[in-house]
Amino acid sequence: MWLQRFTDKAVLRLTLLGLALAVSGCASNGPKSDGADRGRAEQSAAGDPRAAEVPPEALTMYEQAVAVMASGDFLDAELRFKEFLLQYPGYPGAHVNLAIIHATNNNYDNARAAVDAALAIDPEYAPALNQLGMLHRRNGNFLEAEAAYLKAVTANPDYALAHYNLGVLNELYLQQLDSALQHFERYQAIVGGDEQVEKWIADLQRRVSAAQRTANIAE
Protein backbone atom coordinates (compact mmCIF):
# COMPACT_ATOMS: atom_id res chain seq x y z
CA MET A 1 0.00 0.00 0.00
CA TRP A 2 1.52 3.26 -1.10
CA LEU A 3 1.95 6.56 0.75
CA GLN A 4 -0.82 8.94 -0.09
CA ARG A 5 -2.58 12.18 0.72
CA PHE A 6 -6.28 12.70 1.03
CA THR A 7 -8.36 15.84 1.47
CA ASP A 8 -12.12 16.01 1.95
CA LYS A 9 -12.25 19.51 0.50
CA ALA A 10 -11.06 18.74 -3.03
CA VAL A 11 -14.62 18.86 -4.39
CA LEU A 12 -15.17 20.55 -7.73
CA ARG A 13 -18.46 22.04 -8.87
CA LEU A 14 -21.10 19.49 -9.91
CA THR A 15 -22.61 19.75 -13.36
CA LEU A 16 -24.60 17.42 -15.58
CA LEU A 17 -23.27 14.03 -16.67
CA GLY A 18 -20.91 12.86 -13.95
CA LEU A 19 -17.61 11.11 -13.78
CA ALA A 20 -15.97 9.71 -10.69
CA LEU A 21 -12.49 10.86 -9.83
CA ALA A 22 -10.03 9.46 -7.33
CA VAL A 23 -7.97 11.61 -5.00
CA SER A 24 -5.10 10.07 -3.12
CA GLY A 25 -3.52 11.20 0.08
CA CYS A 26 -2.78 11.27 3.76
CA ALA A 27 -4.18 13.78 6.19
CA SER A 28 -1.36 16.08 7.23
CA ASN A 29 1.77 17.89 6.16
CA GLY A 30 3.77 16.02 8.77
CA PRO A 31 5.12 12.48 8.47
CA LYS A 32 3.39 10.60 5.69
CA SER A 33 1.31 7.54 6.60
CA ASP A 34 -0.17 4.65 4.67
CA GLY A 35 -3.71 5.03 3.41
CA ALA A 36 -6.19 3.67 0.90
CA ASP A 37 -7.15 5.24 -2.40
CA ARG A 38 -10.61 6.71 -2.24
CA GLY A 39 -12.98 7.39 -5.09
CA ARG A 40 -15.08 10.52 -5.26
CA ALA A 41 -18.19 10.74 -7.40
CA GLU A 42 -18.16 14.04 -9.22
CA GLN A 43 -20.10 15.44 -12.15
CA SER A 44 -18.16 17.36 -14.76
CA ALA A 45 -19.40 17.46 -18.35
CA ALA A 46 -19.12 21.17 -19.00
CA GLY A 47 -17.82 21.68 -22.52
CA ASP A 48 -18.33 18.06 -23.53
CA PRO A 49 -20.27 18.05 -26.83
CA ARG A 50 -21.61 14.60 -25.99
CA ALA A 51 -23.55 16.02 -23.05
CA ALA A 52 -25.97 17.84 -25.33
CA GLU A 53 -26.81 14.56 -27.06
CA VAL A 54 -27.68 12.66 -23.87
CA PRO A 55 -31.45 12.11 -23.53
CA PRO A 56 -33.03 13.01 -20.18
CA GLU A 57 -33.56 9.37 -19.25
CA ALA A 58 -29.82 8.72 -19.70
CA LEU A 59 -28.94 11.63 -17.44
CA THR A 60 -31.30 10.24 -14.83
CA MET A 61 -29.68 6.82 -15.04
CA TYR A 62 -26.22 8.33 -14.78
CA GLU A 63 -27.03 10.65 -11.90
CA GLN A 64 -28.57 7.76 -9.96
CA ALA A 65 -25.47 5.64 -10.52
CA VAL A 66 -23.21 8.48 -9.38
CA ALA A 67 -25.34 8.99 -6.26
CA VAL A 68 -25.20 5.29 -5.43
CA MET A 69 -21.42 5.29 -5.91
CA ALA A 70 -21.06 8.34 -3.68
CA SER A 71 -23.03 6.53 -0.97
CA GLY A 72 -20.44 3.74 -0.98
CA ASP A 73 -22.59 0.99 -2.50
CA PHE A 74 -20.09 0.08 -5.20
CA LEU A 75 -21.76 -3.21 -6.12
CA ASP A 76 -25.03 -1.52 -7.02
CA ALA A 77 -23.16 1.36 -8.69
CA GLU A 78 -21.18 -1.07 -10.83
CA LEU A 79 -24.35 -2.73 -12.07
CA ARG A 80 -25.91 0.66 -12.81
CA PHE A 81 -22.93 1.90 -14.83
CA LYS A 82 -22.79 -1.33 -16.80
CA GLU A 83 -26.50 -1.02 -17.57
CA PHE A 84 -25.93 2.57 -18.64
CA LEU A 85 -23.12 1.55 -20.98
CA LEU A 86 -25.25 -1.14 -22.58
CA GLN A 87 -27.63 1.59 -23.71
CA TYR A 88 -25.21 4.51 -24.11
CA PRO A 89 -21.74 3.06 -24.86
CA GLY A 90 -20.14 6.27 -26.11
CA TYR A 91 -19.64 8.07 -22.78
CA PRO A 92 -16.16 7.58 -21.27
CA GLY A 93 -17.11 8.88 -17.81
CA ALA A 94 -19.02 5.69 -17.04
CA HIS A 95 -15.90 3.65 -17.82
CA VAL A 96 -13.86 5.88 -15.50
CA ASN A 97 -16.38 5.30 -12.72
CA LEU A 98 -16.10 1.56 -13.26
CA ALA A 99 -12.29 1.81 -13.19
CA ILE A 100 -12.45 3.50 -9.79
CA ILE A 101 -14.82 0.86 -8.45
CA HIS A 102 -12.54 -1.94 -9.68
CA ALA A 103 -9.43 -0.23 -8.29
CA THR A 104 -11.12 0.23 -4.91
CA ASN A 105 -11.83 -3.51 -4.94
CA ASN A 106 -8.15 -4.16 -5.82
CA ASN A 107 -9.13 -5.57 -9.21
CA TYR A 108 -6.48 -3.76 -11.22
CA ASP A 109 -6.85 -5.76 -14.42
CA ASN A 110 -10.51 -4.77 -14.72
CA ALA A 111 -9.66 -1.22 -13.67
CA ARG A 112 -7.09 -0.92 -16.44
CA ALA A 113 -9.52 -2.43 -18.96
CA ALA A 114 -12.13 0.18 -18.00
CA VAL A 115 -9.60 3.02 -18.35
CA ASP A 116 -8.53 1.69 -21.74
CA ALA A 117 -12.19 1.57 -22.82
CA ALA A 118 -12.61 5.24 -21.87
CA LEU A 119 -9.45 6.23 -23.73
CA ALA A 120 -10.57 4.27 -26.80
CA ILE A 121 -13.58 6.60 -26.93
CA ASP A 122 -11.49 9.73 -26.28
CA PRO A 123 -7.66 9.41 -26.05
CA GLU A 124 -7.41 12.87 -24.48
CA TYR A 125 -10.11 12.38 -21.84
CA ALA A 126 -8.47 13.95 -18.77
CA PRO A 127 -10.33 11.96 -16.06
CA ALA A 128 -9.35 8.68 -17.73
CA LEU A 129 -5.72 9.80 -18.03
CA ASN A 130 -5.78 10.84 -14.38
CA GLN A 131 -7.10 7.43 -13.38
CA LEU A 132 -4.46 5.74 -15.54
CA GLY A 133 -1.85 7.72 -13.63
CA MET A 134 -3.27 6.54 -10.33
CA LEU A 135 -3.15 2.91 -11.44
CA HIS A 136 0.49 3.31 -12.49
CA ARG A 137 1.35 4.96 -9.18
CA ARG A 138 -0.29 2.21 -7.14
CA ASN A 139 1.76 -0.33 -9.07
CA GLY A 140 4.97 1.58 -8.40
CA ASN A 141 5.39 2.83 -11.97
CA PHE A 142 6.04 6.43 -11.00
CA LEU A 143 7.42 7.75 -14.30
CA GLU A 144 4.48 6.23 -16.18
CA ALA A 145 2.14 7.82 -13.64
CA GLU A 146 3.77 11.21 -14.18
CA ALA A 147 3.41 10.88 -17.95
CA ALA A 148 -0.30 10.07 -17.65
CA TYR A 149 -0.98 12.95 -15.25
CA LEU A 150 0.93 15.37 -17.47
CA LYS A 151 -1.05 14.23 -20.47
CA ALA A 152 -4.24 14.90 -18.49
CA VAL A 153 -3.27 18.48 -17.68
CA THR A 154 -2.10 19.01 -21.25
CA ALA A 155 -5.50 17.89 -22.51
CA ASN A 156 -7.25 20.02 -19.89
CA PRO A 157 -5.00 22.54 -18.08
CA ASP A 158 -7.77 23.30 -15.58
CA TYR A 159 -8.24 19.68 -14.54
CA ALA A 160 -7.50 20.20 -10.86
CA LEU A 161 -7.25 16.64 -9.62
CA ALA A 162 -4.45 15.75 -12.02
CA HIS A 163 -2.50 18.75 -10.71
CA TYR A 164 -3.21 17.51 -7.19
CA ASN A 165 -1.94 14.02 -8.01
CA LEU A 166 1.13 15.46 -9.72
CA GLY A 167 1.84 17.36 -6.51
CA VAL A 168 1.58 14.16 -4.46
CA LEU A 169 3.69 12.18 -6.93
CA ASN A 170 6.45 14.77 -7.21
CA GLU A 171 6.74 15.35 -3.47
CA LEU A 172 6.42 11.83 -2.09
CA TYR A 173 7.82 9.64 -4.85
CA LEU A 174 9.94 11.65 -7.29
CA GLN A 175 11.34 14.07 -4.69
CA GLN A 176 10.85 16.98 -7.08
CA LEU A 177 9.78 19.65 -4.62
CA ASP A 178 9.71 22.51 -7.14
CA SER A 179 7.31 20.60 -9.39
CA ALA A 180 5.20 19.48 -6.43
CA LEU A 181 4.83 23.08 -5.30
CA GLN A 182 3.93 24.25 -8.79
CA HIS A 183 1.16 21.68 -9.19
CA PHE A 184 -0.27 22.15 -5.69
CA GLU A 185 -0.38 25.90 -6.33
CA ARG A 186 -2.14 25.30 -9.64
CA TYR A 187 -4.62 22.97 -7.96
CA GLN A 188 -5.33 25.55 -5.26
CA ALA A 189 -5.77 28.31 -7.85
CA ILE A 190 -8.43 26.23 -9.62
CA VAL A 191 -10.25 24.84 -6.58
CA GLY A 192 -9.51 27.39 -3.86
CA GLY A 193 -10.37 27.11 -0.19
CA ASP A 194 -8.53 23.86 0.54
CA GLU A 195 -6.94 24.59 3.90
CA GLN A 196 -4.95 21.35 4.03
CA VAL A 197 -3.37 21.91 0.63
CA GLU A 198 -2.59 25.47 1.66
CA LYS A 199 -0.57 24.05 4.58
CA TRP A 200 1.25 21.70 2.23
CA ILE A 201 2.07 24.64 -0.06
CA ALA A 202 3.50 26.65 2.85
CA ASP A 203 5.55 23.64 3.95
CA LEU A 204 6.90 23.11 0.44
CA GLN A 205 7.73 26.80 0.05
CA ARG A 206 9.86 26.61 3.20
CA ARG A 207 11.59 23.43 2.07
CA VAL A 208 12.27 24.73 -1.45
CA SER A 209 13.70 27.99 -0.03
CA ALA A 210 15.90 26.05 2.39
CA ALA A 211 17.19 23.85 -0.43
CA GLN A 212 17.97 26.90 -2.53
CA ARG A 213 19.87 28.54 0.34
CA THR A 214 21.88 25.35 0.86
CA ALA A 215 22.69 25.20 -2.84
CA ASN A 216 23.86 28.82 -2.85
CA ILE A 217 26.12 28.21 0.14
CA ALA A 218 27.58 25.13 -1.53
CA GLU A 219 28.44 27.17 -4.62
C-alpha atoms as a PDB file:
ATOM      1  CA  MET A   1       0.000   0.000   0.000  1.00  0.00           C
ATOM      2  CA  TRP A   2       1.520   3.263  -1.105  1.00  0.00           C
ATOM      3  CA  LEU A   3       1.955   6.557   0.749  1.00  0.00           C
ATOM      4  CA  GLN A   4      -0.820   8.941  -0.085  1.00  0.00           C
ATOM      5  CA  ARG A   5      -2.575  12.178   0.724  1.00  0.00           C
ATOM      6  CA  PHE A   6      -6.281  12.701   1.028  1.00  0.00           C
ATOM      7  CA  THR A   7      -8.356  15.839   1.470  1.00  0.00           C
ATOM      8  CA  ASP A   8     -12.117  16.008   1.948  1.00  0.00           C
ATOM      9  CA  LYS A   9     -12.247  19.512   0.502  1.00  0.00           C
ATOM     10  CA  ALA A  10     -11.056  18.742  -3.032  1.00  0.00           C
ATOM     11  CA  VAL A  11     -14.619  18.858  -4.388  1.00  0.00           C
ATOM     12  CA  LEU A  12     -15.165  20.546  -7.735  1.00  0.00           C
ATOM     13  CA  ARG A  13     -18.456  22.037  -8.871  1.00  0.00           C
ATOM     14  CA  LEU A  14     -21.102  19.488  -9.907  1.00  0.00           C
ATOM     15  CA  THR A  15     -22.614  19.748 -13.364  1.00  0.00           C
ATOM     16  CA  LEU A  16     -24.603  17.418 -15.582  1.00  0.00           C
ATOM     17  CA  LEU A  17     -23.266  14.035 -16.667  1.00  0.00           C
ATOM     18  CA  GLY A  18     -20.909  12.856 -13.948  1.00  0.00           C
ATOM     19  CA  LEU A  19     -17.612  11.105 -13.782  1.00  0.00           C
ATOM     20  CA  ALA A  20     -15.968   9.709 -10.695  1.00  0.00           C
ATOM     21  CA  LEU A  21     -12.494  10.862  -9.830  1.00  0.00           C
ATOM     22  CA  ALA A  22     -10.028   9.456  -7.326  1.00  0.00           C
ATOM     23  CA  VAL A  23      -7.970  11.610  -5.004  1.00  0.00           C
ATOM     24  CA  SER A  24      -5.101  10.066  -3.122  1.00  0.00           C
ATOM     25  CA  GLY A  25      -3.524  11.201   0.080  1.00  0.00           C
ATOM     26  CA  CYS A  26      -2.782  11.268   3.761  1.00  0.00           C
ATOM     27  CA  ALA A  27      -4.181  13.785   6.190  1.00  0.00           C
ATOM     28  CA  SER A  28      -1.358  16.083   7.234  1.00  0.00           C
ATOM     29  CA  ASN A  29       1.768  17.885   6.158  1.00  0.00           C
ATOM     30  CA  GLY A  30       3.766  16.021   8.771  1.00  0.00           C
ATOM     31  CA  PRO A  31       5.123  12.483   8.472  1.00  0.00           C
ATOM     32  CA  LYS A  32       3.391  10.604   5.688  1.00  0.00           C
ATOM     33  CA  SER A  33       1.306   7.541   6.603  1.00  0.00           C
ATOM     34  CA  ASP A  34      -0.169   4.652   4.675  1.00  0.00           C
ATOM     35  CA  GLY A  35      -3.708   5.033   3.414  1.00  0.00           C
ATOM     36  CA  ALA A  36      -6.193   3.668   0.899  1.00  0.00           C
ATOM     37  CA  ASP A  37      -7.151   5.238  -2.397  1.00  0.00           C
ATOM     38  CA  ARG A  38     -10.612   6.705  -2.245  1.00  0.00           C
ATOM     39  CA  GLY A  39     -12.977   7.393  -5.092  1.00  0.00           C
ATOM     40  CA  ARG A  40     -15.079  10.515  -5.256  1.00  0.00           C
ATOM     41  CA  ALA A  41     -18.190  10.744  -7.402  1.00  0.00           C
ATOM     42  CA  GLU A  42     -18.155  14.038  -9.224  1.00  0.00           C
ATOM     43  CA  GLN A  43     -20.097  15.441 -12.146  1.00  0.00           C
ATOM     44  CA  SER A  44     -18.165  17.365 -14.758  1.00  0.00           C
ATOM     45  CA  ALA A  45     -19.403  17.464 -18.348  1.00  0.00           C
ATOM     46  CA  ALA A  46     -19.118  21.171 -19.000  1.00  0.00           C
ATOM     47  CA  GLY A  47     -17.817  21.681 -22.521  1.00  0.00           C
ATOM     48  CA  ASP A  48     -18.332  18.064 -23.530  1.00  0.00           C
ATOM     49  CA  PRO A  49     -20.267  18.048 -26.831  1.00  0.00           C
ATOM     50  CA  ARG A  50     -21.607  14.599 -25.994  1.00  0.00           C
ATOM     51  CA  ALA A  51     -23.553  16.022 -23.049  1.00  0.00           C
ATOM     52  CA  ALA A  52     -25.975  17.842 -25.334  1.00  0.00           C
ATOM     53  CA  GLU A  53     -26.806  14.555 -27.056  1.00  0.00           C
ATOM     54  CA  VAL A  54     -27.685  12.660 -23.870  1.00  0.00           C
ATOM     55  CA  PRO A  55     -31.449  12.110 -23.532  1.00  0.00           C
ATOM     56  CA  PRO A  56     -33.035  13.007 -20.180  1.00  0.00           C
ATOM     57  CA  GLU A  57     -33.560   9.372 -19.250  1.00  0.00           C
ATOM     58  CA  ALA A  58     -29.819   8.720 -19.696  1.00  0.00           C
ATOM     59  CA  LEU A  59     -28.937  11.629 -17.443  1.00  0.00           C
ATOM     60  CA  THR A  60     -31.297  10.236 -14.827  1.00  0.00           C
ATOM     61  CA  MET A  61     -29.677   6.818 -15.045  1.00  0.00           C
ATOM     62  CA  TYR A  62     -26.219   8.326 -14.784  1.00  0.00           C
ATOM     63  CA  GLU A  63     -27.026  10.645 -11.900  1.00  0.00           C
ATOM     64  CA  GLN A  64     -28.571   7.761  -9.964  1.00  0.00           C
ATOM     65  CA  ALA A  65     -25.472   5.635 -10.517  1.00  0.00           C
ATOM     66  CA  VAL A  66     -23.206   8.481  -9.384  1.00  0.00           C
ATOM     67  CA  ALA A  67     -25.341   8.992  -6.264  1.00  0.00           C
ATOM     68  CA  VAL A  68     -25.198   5.287  -5.426  1.00  0.00           C
ATOM     69  CA  MET A  69     -21.420   5.294  -5.910  1.00  0.00           C
ATOM     70  CA  ALA A  70     -21.062   8.343  -3.683  1.00  0.00           C
ATOM     71  CA  SER A  71     -23.032   6.530  -0.967  1.00  0.00           C
ATOM     72  CA  GLY A  72     -20.443   3.738  -0.984  1.00  0.00           C
ATOM     73  CA  ASP A  73     -22.591   0.992  -2.500  1.00  0.00           C
ATOM     74  CA  PHE A  74     -20.088   0.076  -5.204  1.00  0.00           C
ATOM     75  CA  LEU A  75     -21.760  -3.214  -6.118  1.00  0.00           C
ATOM     76  CA  ASP A  76     -25.031  -1.516  -7.022  1.00  0.00           C
ATOM     77  CA  ALA A  77     -23.157   1.356  -8.686  1.00  0.00           C
ATOM     78  CA  GLU A  78     -21.176  -1.068 -10.834  1.00  0.00           C
ATOM     79  CA  LEU A  79     -24.355  -2.729 -12.068  1.00  0.00           C
ATOM     80  CA  ARG A  80     -25.913   0.659 -12.812  1.00  0.00           C
ATOM     81  CA  PHE A  81     -22.929   1.905 -14.828  1.00  0.00           C
ATOM     82  CA  LYS A  82     -22.788  -1.333 -16.797  1.00  0.00           C
ATOM     83  CA  GLU A  83     -26.499  -1.024 -17.573  1.00  0.00           C
ATOM     84  CA  PHE A  84     -25.926   2.570 -18.636  1.00  0.00           C
ATOM     85  CA  LEU A  85     -23.123   1.552 -20.978  1.00  0.00           C
ATOM     86  CA  LEU A  86     -25.251  -1.135 -22.583  1.00  0.00           C
ATOM     87  CA  GLN A  87     -27.627   1.594 -23.706  1.00  0.00           C
ATOM     88  CA  TYR A  88     -25.209   4.509 -24.115  1.00  0.00           C
ATOM     89  CA  PRO A  89     -21.738   3.063 -24.859  1.00  0.00           C
ATOM     90  CA  GLY A  90     -20.138   6.272 -26.110  1.00  0.00           C
ATOM     91  CA  TYR A  91     -19.638   8.068 -22.776  1.00  0.00           C
ATOM     92  CA  PRO A  92     -16.156   7.576 -21.266  1.00  0.00           C
ATOM     93  CA  GLY A  93     -17.113   8.880 -17.813  1.00  0.00           C
ATOM     94  CA  ALA A  94     -19.022   5.687 -17.042  1.00  0.00           C
ATOM     95  CA  HIS A  95     -15.904   3.647 -17.815  1.00  0.00           C
ATOM     96  CA  VAL A  96     -13.858   5.883 -15.497  1.00  0.00           C
ATOM     97  CA  ASN A  97     -16.377   5.301 -12.720  1.00  0.00           C
ATOM     98  CA  LEU A  98     -16.097   1.562 -13.264  1.00  0.00           C
ATOM     99  CA  ALA A  99     -12.294   1.813 -13.193  1.00  0.00           C
ATOM    100  CA  ILE A 100     -12.451   3.505  -9.790  1.00  0.00           C
ATOM    101  CA  ILE A 101     -14.821   0.857  -8.451  1.00  0.00           C
ATOM    102  CA  HIS A 102     -12.544  -1.937  -9.681  1.00  0.00           C
ATOM    103  CA  ALA A 103      -9.430  -0.230  -8.287  1.00  0.00           C
ATOM    104  CA  THR A 104     -11.123   0.228  -4.909  1.00  0.00           C
ATOM    105  CA  ASN A 105     -11.834  -3.507  -4.938  1.00  0.00           C
ATOM    106  CA  ASN A 106      -8.154  -4.162  -5.821  1.00  0.00           C
ATOM    107  CA  ASN A 107      -9.132  -5.570  -9.209  1.00  0.00           C
ATOM    108  CA  TYR A 108      -6.483  -3.764 -11.218  1.00  0.00           C
ATOM    109  CA  ASP A 109      -6.845  -5.762 -14.421  1.00  0.00           C
ATOM    110  CA  ASN A 110     -10.507  -4.767 -14.722  1.00  0.00           C
ATOM    111  CA  ALA A 111      -9.661  -1.217 -13.667  1.00  0.00           C
ATOM    112  CA  ARG A 112      -7.089  -0.919 -16.443  1.00  0.00           C
ATOM    113  CA  ALA A 113      -9.515  -2.425 -18.959  1.00  0.00           C
ATOM    114  CA  ALA A 114     -12.125   0.180 -17.999  1.00  0.00           C
ATOM    115  CA  VAL A 115      -9.600   3.022 -18.354  1.00  0.00           C
ATOM    116  CA  ASP A 116      -8.532   1.689 -21.738  1.00  0.00           C
ATOM    117  CA  ALA A 117     -12.193   1.573 -22.820  1.00  0.00           C
ATOM    118  CA  ALA A 118     -12.606   5.241 -21.865  1.00  0.00           C
ATOM    119  CA  LEU A 119      -9.450   6.226 -23.732  1.00  0.00           C
ATOM    120  CA  ALA A 120     -10.570   4.267 -26.797  1.00  0.00           C
ATOM    121  CA  ILE A 121     -13.575   6.599 -26.929  1.00  0.00           C
ATOM    122  CA  ASP A 122     -11.492   9.728 -26.284  1.00  0.00           C
ATOM    123  CA  PRO A 123      -7.664   9.409 -26.052  1.00  0.00           C
ATOM    124  CA  GLU A 124      -7.415  12.868 -24.481  1.00  0.00           C
ATOM    125  CA  TYR A 125     -10.109  12.377 -21.842  1.00  0.00           C
ATOM    126  CA  ALA A 126      -8.472  13.949 -18.773  1.00  0.00           C
ATOM    127  CA  PRO A 127     -10.332  11.960 -16.064  1.00  0.00           C
ATOM    128  CA  ALA A 128      -9.348   8.681 -17.732  1.00  0.00           C
ATOM    129  CA  LEU A 129      -5.723   9.802 -18.033  1.00  0.00           C
ATOM    130  CA  ASN A 130      -5.779  10.836 -14.379  1.00  0.00           C
ATOM    131  CA  GLN A 131      -7.102   7.435 -13.381  1.00  0.00           C
ATOM    132  CA  LEU A 132      -4.460   5.742 -15.537  1.00  0.00           C
ATOM    133  CA  GLY A 133      -1.850   7.724 -13.628  1.00  0.00           C
ATOM    134  CA  MET A 134      -3.266   6.536 -10.328  1.00  0.00           C
ATOM    135  CA  LEU A 135      -3.150   2.908 -11.443  1.00  0.00           C
ATOM    136  CA  HIS A 136       0.488   3.310 -12.490  1.00  0.00           C
ATOM    137  CA  ARG A 137       1.353   4.962  -9.178  1.00  0.00           C
ATOM    138  CA  ARG A 138      -0.287   2.213  -7.142  1.00  0.00           C
ATOM    139  CA  ASN A 139       1.762  -0.328  -9.074  1.00  0.00           C
ATOM    140  CA  GLY A 140       4.975   1.584  -8.396  1.00  0.00           C
ATOM    141  CA  ASN A 141       5.387   2.832 -11.969  1.00  0.00           C
ATOM    142  CA  PHE A 142       6.037   6.427 -11.004  1.00  0.00           C
ATOM    143  CA  LEU A 143       7.420   7.750 -14.298  1.00  0.00           C
ATOM    144  CA  GLU A 144       4.475   6.235 -16.180  1.00  0.00           C
ATOM    145  CA  ALA A 145       2.142   7.822 -13.640  1.00  0.00           C
ATOM    146  CA  GLU A 146       3.774  11.209 -14.179  1.00  0.00           C
ATOM    147  CA  ALA A 147       3.409  10.884 -17.950  1.00  0.00           C
ATOM    148  CA  ALA A 148      -0.301  10.066 -17.651  1.00  0.00           C
ATOM    149  CA  TYR A 149      -0.982  12.953 -15.255  1.00  0.00           C
ATOM    150  CA  LEU A 150       0.933  15.372 -17.470  1.00  0.00           C
ATOM    151  CA  LYS A 151      -1.052  14.229 -20.474  1.00  0.00           C
ATOM    152  CA  ALA A 152      -4.239  14.898 -18.486  1.00  0.00           C
ATOM    153  CA  VAL A 153      -3.271  18.483 -17.675  1.00  0.00           C
ATOM    154  CA  THR A 154      -2.097  19.015 -21.246  1.00  0.00           C
ATOM    155  CA  ALA A 155      -5.497  17.892 -22.511  1.00  0.00           C
ATOM    156  CA  ASN A 156      -7.247  20.020 -19.892  1.00  0.00           C
ATOM    157  CA  PRO A 157      -5.000  22.542 -18.084  1.00  0.00           C
ATOM    158  CA  ASP A 158      -7.772  23.301 -15.576  1.00  0.00           C
ATOM    159  CA  TYR A 159      -8.245  19.680 -14.543  1.00  0.00           C
ATOM    160  CA  ALA A 160      -7.505  20.200 -10.863  1.00  0.00           C
ATOM    161  CA  LEU A 161      -7.249  16.637  -9.617  1.00  0.00           C
ATOM    162  CA  ALA A 162      -4.450  15.746 -12.024  1.00  0.00           C
ATOM    163  CA  HIS A 163      -2.497  18.753 -10.710  1.00  0.00           C
ATOM    164  CA  TYR A 164      -3.205  17.509  -7.188  1.00  0.00           C
ATOM    165  CA  ASN A 165      -1.943  14.017  -8.009  1.00  0.00           C
ATOM    166  CA  LEU A 166       1.132  15.465  -9.717  1.00  0.00           C
ATOM    167  CA  GLY A 167       1.838  17.356  -6.506  1.00  0.00           C
ATOM    168  CA  VAL A 168       1.578  14.157  -4.463  1.00  0.00           C
ATOM    169  CA  LEU A 169       3.691  12.177  -6.925  1.00  0.00           C
ATOM    170  CA  ASN A 170       6.447  14.771  -7.206  1.00  0.00           C
ATOM    171  CA  GLU A 171       6.739  15.352  -3.473  1.00  0.00           C
ATOM    172  CA  LEU A 172       6.424  11.827  -2.095  1.00  0.00           C
ATOM    173  CA  TYR A 173       7.817   9.639  -4.854  1.00  0.00           C
ATOM    174  CA  LEU A 174       9.944  11.646  -7.294  1.00  0.00           C
ATOM    175  CA  GLN A 175      11.341  14.072  -4.692  1.00  0.00           C
ATOM    176  CA  GLN A 176      10.853  16.981  -7.082  1.00  0.00           C
ATOM    177  CA  LEU A 177       9.783  19.650  -4.622  1.00  0.00           C
ATOM    178  CA  ASP A 178       9.713  22.512  -7.140  1.00  0.00           C
ATOM    179  CA  SER A 179       7.312  20.598  -9.392  1.00  0.00           C
ATOM    180  CA  ALA A 180       5.203  19.479  -6.435  1.00  0.00           C
ATOM    181  CA  LEU A 181       4.832  23.076  -5.297  1.00  0.00           C
ATOM    182  CA  GLN A 182       3.928  24.245  -8.789  1.00  0.00           C
ATOM    183  CA  HIS A 183       1.158  21.678  -9.187  1.00  0.00           C
ATOM    184  CA  PHE A 184      -0.274  22.151  -5.692  1.00  0.00           C
ATOM    185  CA  GLU A 185      -0.383  25.900  -6.326  1.00  0.00           C
ATOM    186  CA  ARG A 186      -2.138  25.300  -9.636  1.00  0.00           C
ATOM    187  CA  TYR A 187      -4.616  22.966  -7.961  1.00  0.00           C
ATOM    188  CA  GLN A 188      -5.327  25.546  -5.259  1.00  0.00           C
ATOM    189  CA  ALA A 189      -5.771  28.306  -7.850  1.00  0.00           C
ATOM    190  CA  ILE A 190      -8.430  26.225  -9.621  1.00  0.00           C
ATOM    191  CA  VAL A 191     -10.255  24.839  -6.577  1.00  0.00           C
ATOM    192  CA  GLY A 192      -9.508  27.393  -3.857  1.00  0.00           C
ATOM    193  CA  GLY A 193     -10.370  27.115  -0.189  1.00  0.00           C
ATOM    194  CA  ASP A 194      -8.526  23.863   0.540  1.00  0.00           C
ATOM    195  CA  GLU A 195      -6.937  24.592   3.903  1.00  0.00           C
ATOM    196  CA  GLN A 196      -4.951  21.355   4.027  1.00  0.00           C
ATOM    197  CA  VAL A 197      -3.368  21.907   0.630  1.00  0.00           C
ATOM    198  CA  GLU A 198      -2.591  25.473   1.664  1.00  0.00           C
ATOM    199  CA  LYS A 199      -0.570  24.051   4.578  1.00  0.00           C
ATOM    200  CA  TRP A 200       1.252  21.700   2.225  1.00  0.00           C
ATOM    201  CA  ILE A 201       2.066  24.637  -0.055  1.00  0.00           C
ATOM    202  CA  ALA A 202       3.496  26.654   2.852  1.00  0.00           C
ATOM    203  CA  ASP A 203       5.554  23.642   3.953  1.00  0.00           C
ATOM    204  CA  LEU A 204       6.899  23.110   0.436  1.00  0.00           C
ATOM    205  CA  GLN A 205       7.731  26.797   0.046  1.00  0.00           C
ATOM    206  CA  ARG A 206       9.859  26.613   3.200  1.00  0.00           C
ATOM    207  CA  ARG A 207      11.587  23.433   2.073  1.00  0.00           C
ATOM    208  CA  VAL A 208      12.274  24.735  -1.449  1.00  0.00           C
ATOM    209  CA  SER A 209      13.702  27.994  -0.035  1.00  0.00           C
ATOM    210  CA  ALA A 210      15.899  26.054   2.389  1.00  0.00           C
ATOM    211  CA  ALA A 211      17.186  23.847  -0.431  1.00  0.00           C
ATOM    212  CA  GLN A 212      17.974  26.905  -2.535  1.00  0.00           C
ATOM    213  CA  ARG A 213      19.871  28.542   0.342  1.00  0.00           C
ATOM    214  CA  THR A 214      21.877  25.348   0.861  1.00  0.00           C
ATOM    215  CA  ALA A 215      22.691  25.200  -2.843  1.00  0.00           C
ATOM    216  CA  ASN A 216      23.863  28.819  -2.849  1.00  0.00           C
ATOM    217  CA  ILE A 217      26.120  28.211   0.135  1.00  0.00           C
ATOM    218  CA  ALA A 218      27.582  25.127  -1.533  1.00  0.00           C
ATOM    219  CA  GLU A 219      28.445  27.170  -4.617  1.00  0.00           C
END
